[in-house]
Amino acid sequence: MMGGGFGMGGWWAMGLLLAVGLIWVIIRGVRAAGDYGIQKNSQEP
């Protein structure tokens, strides 16, 4: 059997991992941008 017995059925796991990774990166970016905005505003007199 080609693909070690997984065939095309194993590719959904890669897609799921990619989607979760993208969501995680987006959430981290939004949080970092929010933290930067709070720190920037708190330094103003």
N, C-alpha and C. Protein backbone atom coordinates (compact mmCIF):
# COMPACT_ATOMS: atom_id res chain seq x y z
N MET A 1 0.84 -1.19 0.00
CA MET A 1 0.00 0.00 0.00
C MET A 1 0.88 1.25 0.00
N MET A 2 0.51 2.22 -0.76
CA MET A 2 1.26 3.48 -0.79
C MET A 2 0.80 4.37 0.36
N GLY A 3 1.70 5.17 0.87
CA GLY A 3 1.35 6.10 1.94
C GLY A 3 1.36 5.44 3.31
N GLY A 4 1.94 4.27 3.44
CA GLY A 4 2.02 3.62 4.73
C GLY A 4 0.67 3.16 5.26
N GLY A 5 -0.30 2.98 4.40
CA GLY A 5 -1.61 2.52 4.83
C GLY A 5 -2.57 3.65 5.17
N PHE A 6 -2.09 4.89 5.16
CA PHE A 6 -2.95 6.01 5.51
C PHE A 6 -3.72 6.53 4.30
N GLY A 7 -3.14 6.42 3.12
CA GLY A 7 -3.79 6.94 1.93
C GLY A 7 -3.95 8.45 2.05
N MET A 8 -5.04 8.97 1.58
CA MET A 8 -5.31 10.41 1.68
C MET A 8 -5.95 10.76 3.03
N GLY A 9 -6.36 9.75 3.79
CA GLY A 9 -7.05 10.00 5.05
C GLY A 9 -6.19 10.66 6.10
N GLY A 10 -4.88 10.51 6.01
CA GLY A 10 -4.00 11.12 7.00
C GLY A 10 -3.78 12.61 6.80
N TRP A 11 -4.10 13.12 5.63
CA TRP A 11 -3.84 14.53 5.34
C TRP A 11 -4.75 15.48 6.09
N TRP A 12 -5.91 15.00 6.58
CA TRP A 12 -6.78 15.90 7.34
C TRP A 12 -6.09 16.35 8.63
N ALA A 13 -5.23 15.49 9.19
CA ALA A 13 -4.51 15.87 10.41
C ALA A 13 -3.54 17.01 10.13
N MET A 14 -2.86 16.97 8.98
CA MET A 14 -1.96 18.06 8.63
C MET A 14 -2.72 19.36 8.43
N GLY A 15 -3.86 19.29 7.78
CA GLY A 15 -4.68 20.48 7.60
C GLY A 15 -5.17 21.03 8.92
N LEU A 16 -5.55 20.14 9.83
CA LEU A 16 -6.01 20.57 11.15
C LEU A 16 -4.88 21.24 11.92
N LEU A 17 -3.69 20.64 11.89
CA LEU A 17 -2.55 21.25 12.57
C LEU A 17 -2.20 22.61 11.98
N LEU A 18 -2.27 22.73 10.68
CA LEU A 18 -1.99 24.00 10.02
C LEU A 18 -3.00 25.06 10.44
N ALA A 19 -4.28 24.69 10.47
CA ALA A 19 -5.33 25.64 10.86
C ALA A 19 -5.16 26.08 12.30
N VAL A 20 -4.88 25.14 13.19
CA VAL A 20 -4.69 25.48 14.60
C VAL A 20 -3.47 26.38 14.76
N GLY A 21 -2.40 26.08 14.03
CA GLY A 21 -1.20 26.91 14.08
C GLY A 21 -1.46 28.33 13.60
N LEU A 22 -2.20 28.46 12.52
CA LEU A 22 -2.52 29.79 12.01
C LEU A 22 -3.37 30.59 13.00
N ILE A 23 -4.34 29.93 13.59
CA ILE A 23 -5.19 30.61 14.58
C ILE A 23 -4.35 31.05 15.77
N TRP A 24 -3.43 30.19 16.22
CA TRP A 24 -2.57 30.52 17.35
C TRP A 24 -1.70 31.73 17.03
N VAL A 25 -1.13 31.77 15.83
CA VAL A 25 -0.28 32.90 15.42
C VAL A 25 -1.09 34.19 15.37
N ILE A 26 -2.30 34.12 14.85
CA ILE A 26 -3.15 35.31 14.77
C ILE A 26 -3.50 35.81 16.17
N ILE A 27 -3.86 34.90 17.07
CA ILE A 27 -4.21 35.30 18.44
C ILE A 27 -3.01 35.93 19.13
N ARG A 28 -1.83 35.33 18.96
CA ARG A 28 -0.62 35.90 19.58
C ARG A 28 -0.34 37.29 19.02
N GLY A 29 -0.52 37.47 17.71
CA GLY A 29 -0.27 38.78 17.11
C GLY A 29 -1.22 39.84 17.61
N VAL A 30 -2.49 39.47 17.76
CA VAL A 30 -3.48 40.43 18.25
C VAL A 30 -3.18 40.79 19.70
N ARG A 31 -2.82 39.81 20.51
CA ARG A 31 -2.49 40.08 21.92
C ARG A 31 -1.26 40.95 22.02
N ALA A 32 -0.24 40.68 21.20
CA ALA A 32 0.99 41.46 21.23
C ALA A 32 0.70 42.90 20.81
N ALA A 33 -0.13 43.08 19.80
CA ALA A 33 -0.48 44.43 19.35
C ALA A 33 -1.26 45.16 20.44
N GLY A 34 -2.13 44.46 21.13
CA GLY A 34 -2.91 45.07 22.21
C GLY A 34 -2.01 45.46 23.38
N ASP A 35 -1.06 44.59 23.74
CA ASP A 35 -0.13 44.91 24.82
C ASP A 35 0.74 46.09 24.45
N TYR A 36 1.17 46.16 23.19
CA TYR A 36 2.00 47.28 22.75
C TYR A 36 1.22 48.58 22.84
N GLY A 37 -0.05 48.55 22.46
CA GLY A 37 -0.87 49.75 22.52
C GLY A 37 -1.08 50.23 23.94
N ILE A 38 -1.26 49.30 24.88
CA ILE A 38 -1.44 49.66 26.28
C ILE A 38 -0.16 50.27 26.83
N GLN A 39 1.00 49.65 26.53
CA GLN A 39 2.27 50.18 27.03
C GLN A 39 2.58 51.54 26.41
N LYS A 40 2.28 51.72 25.15
CA LYS A 40 2.55 52.99 24.48
C LYS A 40 1.70 54.10 25.09
N ASN A 41 0.43 53.82 25.35
CA ASN A 41 -0.46 54.82 25.91
C ASN A 41 -0.12 55.14 27.36
N SER A 42 0.40 54.18 28.11
CA SER A 42 0.71 54.42 29.53
C SER A 42 1.96 55.27 29.69
N GLN A 43 2.80 55.38 28.67
CA GLN A 43 4.03 56.17 28.78
C GLN A 43 3.80 57.64 28.49
N GLU A 44 2.65 57.98 27.97
CA GLU A 44 2.37 59.39 27.67
C GLU A 44 2.07 60.14 28.96
N PRO A 45 2.54 61.38 29.08
CA PRO A 45 2.29 62.17 30.31
C PRO A 45 0.84 62.59 30.44
